Amino acid sequence: MRLIYIFFIVVLFGASAYSESDKNTVLNSISSPNDTMQNIAGLSWHTQIDKALNNAQKSHKNLIVMVGEESCRWCKKMKERTLIDPRIQNKLSNYVLVSVKRSDKKAVAHVPEFDGKIPSFFFIEKNGEVYDSVVGYYKADDFLRYINEIEEL
């Protein structure tokens, strides 16, 4: 019985230590005077769509808006498994990235096509027009294939 108790404590402590470490490496927020940026899976993501759109117009890039929530397990899996993939990061570096929470009604109002399902990714031209979207968790190979397909359109 004592061995089971010790095993339970070790597993519980190890899981909580991983969880805190994971939060620090996957999602870190930093503030700047004009916008708040988040480091998600090694890439910088804006938190304000209007400022990101302005940045996209200046840099002649399209946007990807990710709508999620911290409590969403599929959103976490996208960040921890898919967005961390170097091939995905390479693709995403060609876009201005925006991450907003579903609960932020003001932010999601900028994406009229959003229907509440998360994680959602919206591909938006620098003029503000949504040209494609995808909902749900995707493995890296599938997400990469999807991005490649819409880039060919």
N, C-alpha and C. Protein backbone atom coordinates (compact mmCIF):
# COMPACT_ATOMS: atom_id res chain seq x y z
N MET A 1 0.83 -1.19 0.00
CA MET A 1 0.00 0.00 0.00
C MET A 1 0.88 1.26 0.00
N ARG A 2 1.93 1.21 0.81
CA ARG A 2 2.83 2.36 0.87
C ARG A 2 3.49 2.64 -0.48
N LEU A 3 3.83 1.58 -1.20
CA LEU A 3 4.44 1.72 -2.52
C LEU A 3 3.47 2.38 -3.50
N ILE A 4 2.21 2.04 -3.44
CA ILE A 4 1.20 2.65 -4.30
C ILE A 4 1.08 4.13 -3.99
N TYR A 5 1.08 4.47 -2.70
CA TYR A 5 0.97 5.87 -2.28
C TYR A 5 2.16 6.68 -2.81
N ILE A 6 3.36 6.15 -2.68
CA ILE A 6 4.56 6.83 -3.16
C ILE A 6 4.50 7.00 -4.68
N PHE A 7 4.07 5.96 -5.37
CA PHE A 7 3.94 6.04 -6.83
C PHE A 7 2.95 7.13 -7.22
N PHE A 8 1.83 7.20 -6.52
CA PHE A 8 0.81 8.21 -6.80
C PHE A 8 1.37 9.62 -6.60
N ILE A 9 2.13 9.84 -5.54
CA ILE A 9 2.72 11.16 -5.26
C ILE A 9 3.72 11.52 -6.35
N VAL A 10 4.56 10.58 -6.76
CA VAL A 10 5.55 10.84 -7.80
C VAL A 10 4.87 11.20 -9.11
N VAL A 11 3.84 10.44 -9.49
CA VAL A 11 3.12 10.71 -10.74
C VAL A 11 2.43 12.06 -10.67
N LEU A 12 1.78 12.35 -9.56
CA LEU A 12 1.08 13.62 -9.41
C LEU A 12 2.05 14.80 -9.46
N PHE A 13 3.18 14.70 -8.76
CA PHE A 13 4.17 15.77 -8.77
C PHE A 13 4.77 15.94 -10.16
N GLY A 14 5.07 14.85 -10.83
CA GLY A 14 5.65 14.92 -12.17
C GLY A 14 4.70 15.56 -13.17
N ALA A 15 3.41 15.24 -13.09
CA ALA A 15 2.43 15.82 -14.01
C ALA A 15 2.27 17.31 -13.77
N SER A 16 2.26 17.73 -12.52
CA SER A 16 2.10 19.17 -12.26
C SER A 16 3.36 19.93 -12.65
N ALA A 17 4.52 19.32 -12.50
CA ALA A 17 5.76 19.98 -12.91
C ALA A 17 5.80 20.13 -14.43
N TYR A 18 5.35 19.12 -15.14
CA TYR A 18 5.33 19.20 -16.61
C TYR A 18 4.36 20.28 -17.06
N SER A 19 3.22 20.34 -16.39
CA SER A 19 2.20 21.30 -16.77
C SER A 19 2.72 22.73 -16.64
N GLU A 20 3.38 23.07 -15.55
CA GLU A 20 3.92 24.41 -15.36
C GLU A 20 5.02 24.70 -16.37
N SER A 21 5.90 23.73 -16.59
CA SER A 21 6.97 23.92 -17.56
C SER A 21 6.40 24.13 -18.95
N ASP A 22 5.39 23.34 -19.29
CA ASP A 22 4.78 23.43 -20.61
C ASP A 22 4.15 24.80 -20.82
N LYS A 23 3.48 25.33 -19.80
CA LYS A 23 2.88 26.65 -19.92
C LYS A 23 3.93 27.71 -20.21
N ASN A 24 5.08 27.58 -19.60
CA ASN A 24 6.12 28.58 -19.78
C ASN A 24 6.76 28.50 -21.16
N THR A 25 6.86 27.31 -21.74
CA THR A 25 7.51 27.21 -23.04
C THR A 25 6.55 27.41 -24.20
N VAL A 26 5.29 27.03 -24.05
CA VAL A 26 4.36 27.14 -25.16
C VAL A 26 3.73 28.52 -25.24
N LEU A 27 3.43 29.14 -24.13
CA LEU A 27 2.71 30.40 -24.17
C LEU A 27 3.29 31.37 -23.15
N ASN A 28 3.98 32.38 -23.63
CA ASN A 28 4.51 33.44 -22.78
C ASN A 28 4.03 34.76 -23.34
N SER A 29 3.55 35.66 -22.47
CA SER A 29 3.08 36.96 -22.94
C SER A 29 4.11 38.03 -22.64
N ILE A 30 4.29 38.92 -23.59
CA ILE A 30 5.12 40.09 -23.38
C ILE A 30 4.35 41.30 -23.87
N SER A 31 4.54 42.41 -23.25
CA SER A 31 3.81 43.61 -23.65
C SER A 31 4.72 44.56 -24.40
N SER A 32 4.12 45.25 -25.34
CA SER A 32 4.80 46.33 -26.03
C SER A 32 3.84 47.52 -26.00
N PRO A 33 4.30 48.72 -26.29
CA PRO A 33 3.43 49.88 -26.20
C PRO A 33 2.22 49.81 -27.13
N ASN A 34 2.35 49.17 -28.28
CA ASN A 34 1.28 49.18 -29.27
C ASN A 34 0.40 47.94 -29.26
N ASP A 35 0.88 46.85 -28.78
CA ASP A 35 0.17 45.58 -28.89
C ASP A 35 0.74 44.62 -27.85
N THR A 36 -0.01 43.60 -27.52
CA THR A 36 0.50 42.54 -26.68
C THR A 36 0.84 41.38 -27.59
N MET A 37 2.03 40.86 -27.45
CA MET A 37 2.47 39.73 -28.26
C MET A 37 2.55 38.51 -27.36
N GLN A 38 2.21 37.36 -27.92
CA GLN A 38 2.33 36.09 -27.22
C GLN A 38 3.32 35.21 -27.98
N ASN A 39 4.14 34.51 -27.23
CA ASN A 39 5.03 33.53 -27.83
C ASN A 39 4.32 32.19 -27.74
N ILE A 40 3.84 31.71 -28.86
CA ILE A 40 3.17 30.42 -28.90
C ILE A 40 3.99 29.50 -29.79
N ALA A 41 4.49 28.44 -29.19
CA ALA A 41 5.27 27.44 -29.92
C ALA A 41 6.44 28.06 -30.67
N GLY A 42 7.05 29.08 -30.08
CA GLY A 42 8.25 29.68 -30.67
C GLY A 42 7.99 30.78 -31.68
N LEU A 43 6.74 31.13 -31.93
CA LEU A 43 6.40 32.21 -32.86
C LEU A 43 5.67 33.32 -32.13
N SER A 44 5.83 34.55 -32.60
CA SER A 44 5.16 35.70 -31.99
C SER A 44 3.78 35.89 -32.60
N TRP A 45 2.78 35.96 -31.74
CA TRP A 45 1.40 36.12 -32.16
C TRP A 45 0.85 37.42 -31.55
N HIS A 46 0.23 38.25 -32.38
CA HIS A 46 -0.47 39.43 -31.89
C HIS A 46 -1.72 38.99 -31.12
N THR A 47 -2.22 39.87 -30.27
CA THR A 47 -3.48 39.59 -29.57
C THR A 47 -4.58 40.56 -29.99
N GLN A 48 -4.25 41.51 -30.84
CA GLN A 48 -5.23 42.48 -31.32
C GLN A 48 -5.28 42.43 -32.85
N ILE A 49 -6.43 42.06 -33.37
CA ILE A 49 -6.57 41.86 -34.81
C ILE A 49 -6.35 43.16 -35.58
N ASP A 50 -6.88 44.27 -35.09
CA ASP A 50 -6.74 45.52 -35.83
C ASP A 50 -5.28 45.94 -35.98
N LYS A 51 -4.51 45.78 -34.92
CA LYS A 51 -3.08 46.14 -35.00
C LYS A 51 -2.32 45.16 -35.88
N ALA A 52 -2.70 43.90 -35.83
CA ALA A 52 -2.06 42.90 -36.68
C ALA A 52 -2.38 43.15 -38.14
N LEU A 53 -3.61 43.56 -38.43
CA LEU A 53 -3.98 43.87 -39.81
C LEU A 53 -3.17 45.05 -40.33
N ASN A 54 -2.98 46.04 -39.50
CA ASN A 54 -2.14 47.19 -39.87
C ASN A 54 -0.71 46.73 -40.16
N ASN A 55 -0.19 45.86 -39.32
CA ASN A 55 1.15 45.29 -39.51
C ASN A 55 1.21 44.50 -40.82
N ALA A 56 0.16 43.73 -41.11
CA ALA A 56 0.12 42.92 -42.33
C ALA A 56 0.15 43.81 -43.57
N GLN A 57 -0.57 44.90 -43.52
CA GLN A 57 -0.59 45.81 -44.66
C GLN A 57 0.78 46.43 -44.89
N LYS A 58 1.45 46.80 -43.81
CA LYS A 58 2.80 47.38 -43.93
C LYS A 58 3.82 46.37 -44.43
N SER A 59 3.69 45.12 -43.99
CA SER A 59 4.67 44.09 -44.36
C SER A 59 4.25 43.28 -45.59
N HIS A 60 3.09 43.59 -46.16
CA HIS A 60 2.58 42.90 -47.35
C HIS A 60 2.45 41.40 -47.13
N LYS A 61 1.91 41.05 -45.97
CA LYS A 61 1.67 39.64 -45.63
C LYS A 61 0.18 39.45 -45.31
N ASN A 62 -0.28 38.22 -45.48
CA ASN A 62 -1.62 37.87 -45.05
C ASN A 62 -1.59 37.50 -43.57
N LEU A 63 -2.76 37.37 -42.98
CA LEU A 63 -2.88 37.03 -41.56
C LEU A 63 -3.40 35.62 -41.37
N ILE A 64 -3.04 35.05 -40.25
CA ILE A 64 -3.71 33.85 -39.74
C ILE A 64 -4.20 34.22 -38.35
N VAL A 65 -5.50 34.11 -38.16
CA VAL A 65 -6.10 34.36 -36.85
C VAL A 65 -6.48 33.02 -36.25
N MET A 66 -5.93 32.73 -35.08
CA MET A 66 -6.26 31.51 -34.34
C MET A 66 -7.19 31.91 -33.21
N VAL A 67 -8.36 31.30 -33.17
CA VAL A 67 -9.30 31.53 -32.07
C VAL A 67 -9.31 30.28 -31.22
N GLY A 68 -9.05 30.46 -29.94
CA GLY A 68 -9.02 29.33 -29.03
C GLY A 68 -9.36 29.76 -27.62
N GLU A 69 -8.99 28.93 -26.69
CA GLU A 69 -9.21 29.21 -25.27
C GLU A 69 -8.21 28.38 -24.50
N GLU A 70 -7.71 28.91 -23.41
CA GLU A 70 -6.69 28.20 -22.63
C GLU A 70 -7.21 26.88 -22.08
N SER A 71 -8.49 26.78 -21.80
CA SER A 71 -9.06 25.56 -21.23
C SER A 71 -9.39 24.50 -22.29
N CYS A 72 -9.23 24.83 -23.56
CA CYS A 72 -9.56 23.92 -24.66
C CYS A 72 -8.44 22.92 -24.89
N ARG A 73 -8.72 21.65 -24.70
CA ARG A 73 -7.67 20.64 -24.85
C ARG A 73 -7.19 20.50 -26.28
N TRP A 74 -8.08 20.70 -27.27
CA TRP A 74 -7.67 20.60 -28.67
C TRP A 74 -6.82 21.79 -29.07
N CYS A 75 -7.09 22.95 -28.47
CA CYS A 75 -6.24 24.12 -28.72
C CYS A 75 -4.84 23.87 -28.18
N LYS A 76 -4.77 23.31 -26.99
CA LYS A 76 -3.47 22.98 -26.40
C LYS A 76 -2.71 21.99 -27.27
N LYS A 77 -3.42 20.98 -27.78
CA LYS A 77 -2.76 19.99 -28.63
C LYS A 77 -2.24 20.63 -29.92
N MET A 78 -3.01 21.55 -30.48
CA MET A 78 -2.52 22.25 -31.69
C MET A 78 -1.23 22.99 -31.38
N LYS A 79 -1.18 23.65 -30.23
CA LYS A 79 0.02 24.41 -29.86
C LYS A 79 1.19 23.49 -29.55
N GLU A 80 0.93 22.42 -28.81
CA GLU A 80 1.99 21.55 -28.31
C GLU A 80 2.48 20.53 -29.33
N ARG A 81 1.63 20.13 -30.26
CA ARG A 81 2.00 19.09 -31.20
C ARG A 81 2.16 19.58 -32.63
N THR A 82 1.28 20.46 -33.05
CA THR A 82 1.27 20.87 -34.46
C THR A 82 2.08 22.13 -34.69
N LEU A 83 1.76 23.19 -33.95
CA LEU A 83 2.42 24.48 -34.19
C LEU A 83 3.91 24.45 -33.84
N ILE A 84 4.32 23.50 -33.03
CA ILE A 84 5.72 23.38 -32.63
C ILE A 84 6.57 22.74 -33.74
N ASP A 85 5.94 22.09 -34.70
CA ASP A 85 6.64 21.41 -35.78
C ASP A 85 7.42 22.45 -36.62
N PRO A 86 8.70 22.23 -36.87
CA PRO A 86 9.51 23.20 -37.62
C PRO A 86 8.96 23.51 -39.02
N ARG A 87 8.35 22.53 -39.67
CA ARG A 87 7.78 22.78 -41.00
C ARG A 87 6.59 23.75 -40.92
N ILE A 88 5.79 23.60 -39.88
CA ILE A 88 4.65 24.49 -39.67
C ILE A 88 5.16 25.88 -39.31
N GLN A 89 6.15 25.94 -38.43
CA GLN A 89 6.70 27.24 -38.04
C GLN A 89 7.28 27.97 -39.24
N ASN A 90 7.93 27.24 -40.13
CA ASN A 90 8.48 27.84 -41.33
C ASN A 90 7.36 28.44 -42.19
N LYS A 91 6.27 27.71 -42.37
CA LYS A 91 5.12 28.21 -43.13
C LYS A 91 4.50 29.43 -42.47
N LEU A 92 4.29 29.34 -41.15
CA LEU A 92 3.62 30.42 -40.44
C LEU A 92 4.45 31.70 -40.38
N SER A 93 5.76 31.57 -40.55
CA SER A 93 6.62 32.76 -40.52
C SER A 93 6.34 33.70 -41.71
N ASN A 94 5.60 33.21 -42.70
CA ASN A 94 5.25 34.02 -43.85
C ASN A 94 3.95 34.81 -43.64
N TYR A 95 3.37 34.70 -42.47
CA TYR A 95 2.11 35.36 -42.15
C TYR A 95 2.27 36.25 -40.93
N VAL A 96 1.36 37.20 -40.78
CA VAL A 96 1.21 37.92 -39.52
C VAL A 96 0.25 37.07 -38.71
N LEU A 97 0.65 36.69 -37.51
CA LEU A 97 -0.12 35.75 -36.70
C LEU A 97 -0.88 36.48 -35.60
N VAL A 98 -2.12 36.04 -35.36
CA VAL A 98 -2.96 36.63 -34.34
C VAL A 98 -3.60 35.49 -33.54
N SER A 99 -3.57 35.59 -32.23
CA SER A 99 -4.22 34.62 -31.37
C SER A 99 -5.19 35.36 -30.45
N VAL A 100 -6.46 34.98 -30.54
CA VAL A 100 -7.48 35.60 -29.68
C VAL A 100 -8.27 34.51 -28.98
N LYS A 101 -8.85 34.89 -27.87
CA LYS A 101 -9.68 33.96 -27.10
C LYS A 101 -11.13 34.05 -27.56
N ARG A 102 -11.77 32.91 -27.57
CA ARG A 102 -13.19 32.87 -27.93
C ARG A 102 -14.01 33.74 -27.00
N SER A 103 -13.59 33.84 -25.75
CA SER A 103 -14.33 34.62 -24.76
C SER A 103 -14.16 36.14 -24.95
N ASP A 104 -13.22 36.54 -25.80
CA ASP A 104 -13.00 37.97 -26.08
C ASP A 104 -13.93 38.38 -27.22
N LYS A 105 -15.13 38.75 -26.88
CA LYS A 105 -16.16 39.06 -27.89
C LYS A 105 -15.76 40.21 -28.81
N LYS A 106 -15.05 41.18 -28.28
CA LYS A 106 -14.60 42.30 -29.10
C LYS A 106 -13.63 41.84 -30.18
N ALA A 107 -12.72 40.95 -29.81
CA ALA A 107 -11.73 40.44 -30.78
C ALA A 107 -12.38 39.56 -31.83
N VAL A 108 -13.24 38.63 -31.41
CA VAL A 108 -13.84 37.72 -32.39
C VAL A 108 -14.87 38.42 -33.27
N ALA A 109 -15.31 39.60 -32.87
CA ALA A 109 -16.23 40.37 -33.72
C ALA A 109 -15.55 40.78 -35.03
N HIS A 110 -14.21 40.81 -35.06
CA HIS A 110 -13.46 41.13 -36.27
C HIS A 110 -13.51 39.99 -37.29
N VAL A 111 -13.98 38.82 -36.83
CA VAL A 111 -14.04 37.65 -37.72
C VAL A 111 -15.50 37.19 -37.75
N PRO A 112 -16.32 37.81 -38.60
CA PRO A 112 -17.75 37.49 -38.62
C PRO A 112 -18.04 36.03 -38.94
N GLU A 113 -17.13 35.34 -39.62
CA GLU A 113 -17.33 33.94 -39.98
C GLU A 113 -17.18 33.00 -38.78
N PHE A 114 -16.67 33.51 -37.66
CA PHE A 114 -16.44 32.66 -36.48
C PHE A 114 -17.77 32.20 -35.90
N ASP A 115 -17.93 30.88 -35.74
CA ASP A 115 -19.19 30.33 -35.24
C ASP A 115 -19.09 29.75 -33.84
N GLY A 116 -17.98 30.01 -33.14
CA GLY A 116 -17.84 29.55 -31.76
C GLY A 116 -17.05 28.28 -31.58
N LYS A 117 -16.76 27.56 -32.64
CA LYS A 117 -16.01 26.30 -32.54
C LYS A 117 -14.52 26.60 -32.46
N ILE A 118 -13.83 25.87 -31.57
CA ILE A 118 -12.39 26.07 -31.40
C ILE A 118 -11.67 24.74 -31.38
N PRO A 119 -10.40 24.74 -31.76
CA PRO A 119 -9.65 25.86 -32.33
C PRO A 119 -10.10 26.14 -33.76
N SER A 120 -10.12 27.41 -34.10
CA SER A 120 -10.44 27.86 -35.45
C SER A 120 -9.28 28.68 -35.99
N PHE A 121 -8.99 28.51 -37.26
CA PHE A 121 -7.94 29.28 -37.92
C PHE A 121 -8.56 29.96 -39.13
N PHE A 122 -8.36 31.28 -39.22
CA PHE A 122 -8.89 32.06 -40.32
C PHE A 122 -7.72 32.65 -41.10
N PHE A 123 -7.76 32.45 -42.40
CA PHE A 123 -6.74 32.98 -43.29
C PHE A 123 -7.31 34.24 -43.91
N ILE A 124 -6.66 35.36 -43.64
CA ILE A 124 -7.21 36.67 -43.98
C ILE A 124 -6.20 37.43 -44.83
N GLU A 125 -6.70 37.98 -45.93
CA GLU A 125 -5.85 38.81 -46.78
C GLU A 125 -5.53 40.11 -46.07
N LYS A 126 -4.47 40.77 -46.51
CA LYS A 126 -4.05 42.01 -45.85
C LYS A 126 -5.09 43.12 -45.94
N ASN A 127 -6.08 42.95 -46.85
CA ASN A 127 -7.17 43.92 -46.94
C ASN A 127 -8.31 43.61 -45.95
N GLY A 128 -8.16 42.53 -45.19
CA GLY A 128 -9.14 42.18 -44.16
C GLY A 128 -10.16 41.14 -44.57
N GLU A 129 -10.09 40.65 -45.79
CA GLU A 129 -11.06 39.68 -46.28
C GLU A 129 -10.63 38.25 -45.94
N VAL A 130 -11.55 37.49 -45.32
CA VAL A 130 -11.27 36.09 -45.01
C VAL A 130 -11.35 35.29 -46.31
N TYR A 131 -10.29 34.57 -46.63
CA TYR A 131 -10.31 33.77 -47.84
C TYR A 131 -10.35 32.28 -47.58
N ASP A 132 -10.16 31.85 -46.35
CA ASP A 132 -10.31 30.44 -46.01
C ASP A 132 -10.30 30.29 -44.49
N SER A 133 -10.79 29.15 -44.03
CA SER A 133 -10.77 28.87 -42.60
C SER A 133 -10.81 27.36 -42.38
N VAL A 134 -10.39 26.98 -41.20
CA VAL A 134 -10.40 25.57 -40.81
C VAL A 134 -10.68 25.50 -39.31
N VAL A 135 -11.39 24.47 -38.92
CA VAL A 135 -11.77 24.29 -37.51
C VAL A 135 -11.29 22.93 -37.04
N GLY A 136 -10.74 22.90 -35.83
CA GLY A 136 -10.39 21.64 -35.20
C GLY A 136 -8.90 21.40 -35.08
N TYR A 137 -8.58 20.28 -34.46
CA TYR A 137 -7.20 19.86 -34.27
C TYR A 137 -6.72 19.12 -35.51
N TYR A 138 -5.52 19.44 -35.96
CA TYR A 138 -4.89 18.76 -37.10
C TYR A 138 -3.49 18.35 -36.73
N LYS A 139 -3.10 17.17 -37.14
CA LYS A 139 -1.71 16.76 -37.01
C LYS A 139 -0.88 17.63 -37.95
N ALA A 140 0.41 17.72 -37.66
CA ALA A 140 1.29 18.61 -38.42
C ALA A 140 1.25 18.33 -39.92
N ASP A 141 1.31 17.07 -40.32
CA ASP A 141 1.30 16.74 -41.75
C ASP A 141 0.02 17.23 -42.42
N ASP A 142 -1.11 17.03 -41.75
CA ASP A 142 -2.40 17.43 -42.31
C ASP A 142 -2.53 18.95 -42.37
N PHE A 143 -2.09 19.64 -41.33
CA PHE A 143 -2.18 21.10 -41.29
C PHE A 143 -1.26 21.71 -42.36
N LEU A 144 -0.08 21.14 -42.51
CA LEU A 144 0.86 21.61 -43.54
C LEU A 144 0.26 21.42 -44.93
N ARG A 145 -0.34 20.25 -45.17
CA ARG A 145 -0.98 19.99 -46.46
C ARG A 145 -2.10 21.00 -46.72
N TYR A 146 -2.87 21.31 -45.69
CA TYR A 146 -3.96 22.27 -45.82
C TYR A 146 -3.42 23.66 -46.19
N ILE A 147 -2.40 24.11 -45.48
CA ILE A 147 -1.82 25.43 -45.76
C ILE A 147 -1.26 25.47 -47.18
N ASN A 148 -0.58 24.41 -47.59
CA ASN A 148 -0.02 24.35 -48.95
C ASN A 148 -1.13 24.44 -49.99
N GLU A 149 -2.24 23.76 -49.73
CA GLU A 149 -3.37 23.79 -50.68
C GLU A 149 -3.96 25.18 -50.81
N ILE A 150 -4.16 25.88 -49.71
CA ILE A 150 -4.79 27.21 -49.83
C ILE A 150 -3.81 28.23 -50.39
N GLU A 151 -2.52 27.99 -50.24
CA GLU A 151 -1.56 28.90 -50.84
C GLU A 151 -1.52 28.77 -52.36
N GLU A 152 -1.93 27.62 -52.85
CA GLU A 152 -1.95 27.39 -54.30
C GLU A 152 -3.17 28.02 -54.97
N LEU A 153 -4.18 28.38 -54.20
CA LEU A 153 -5.41 28.95 -54.78
C LEU A 153 -5.17 30.31 -55.38
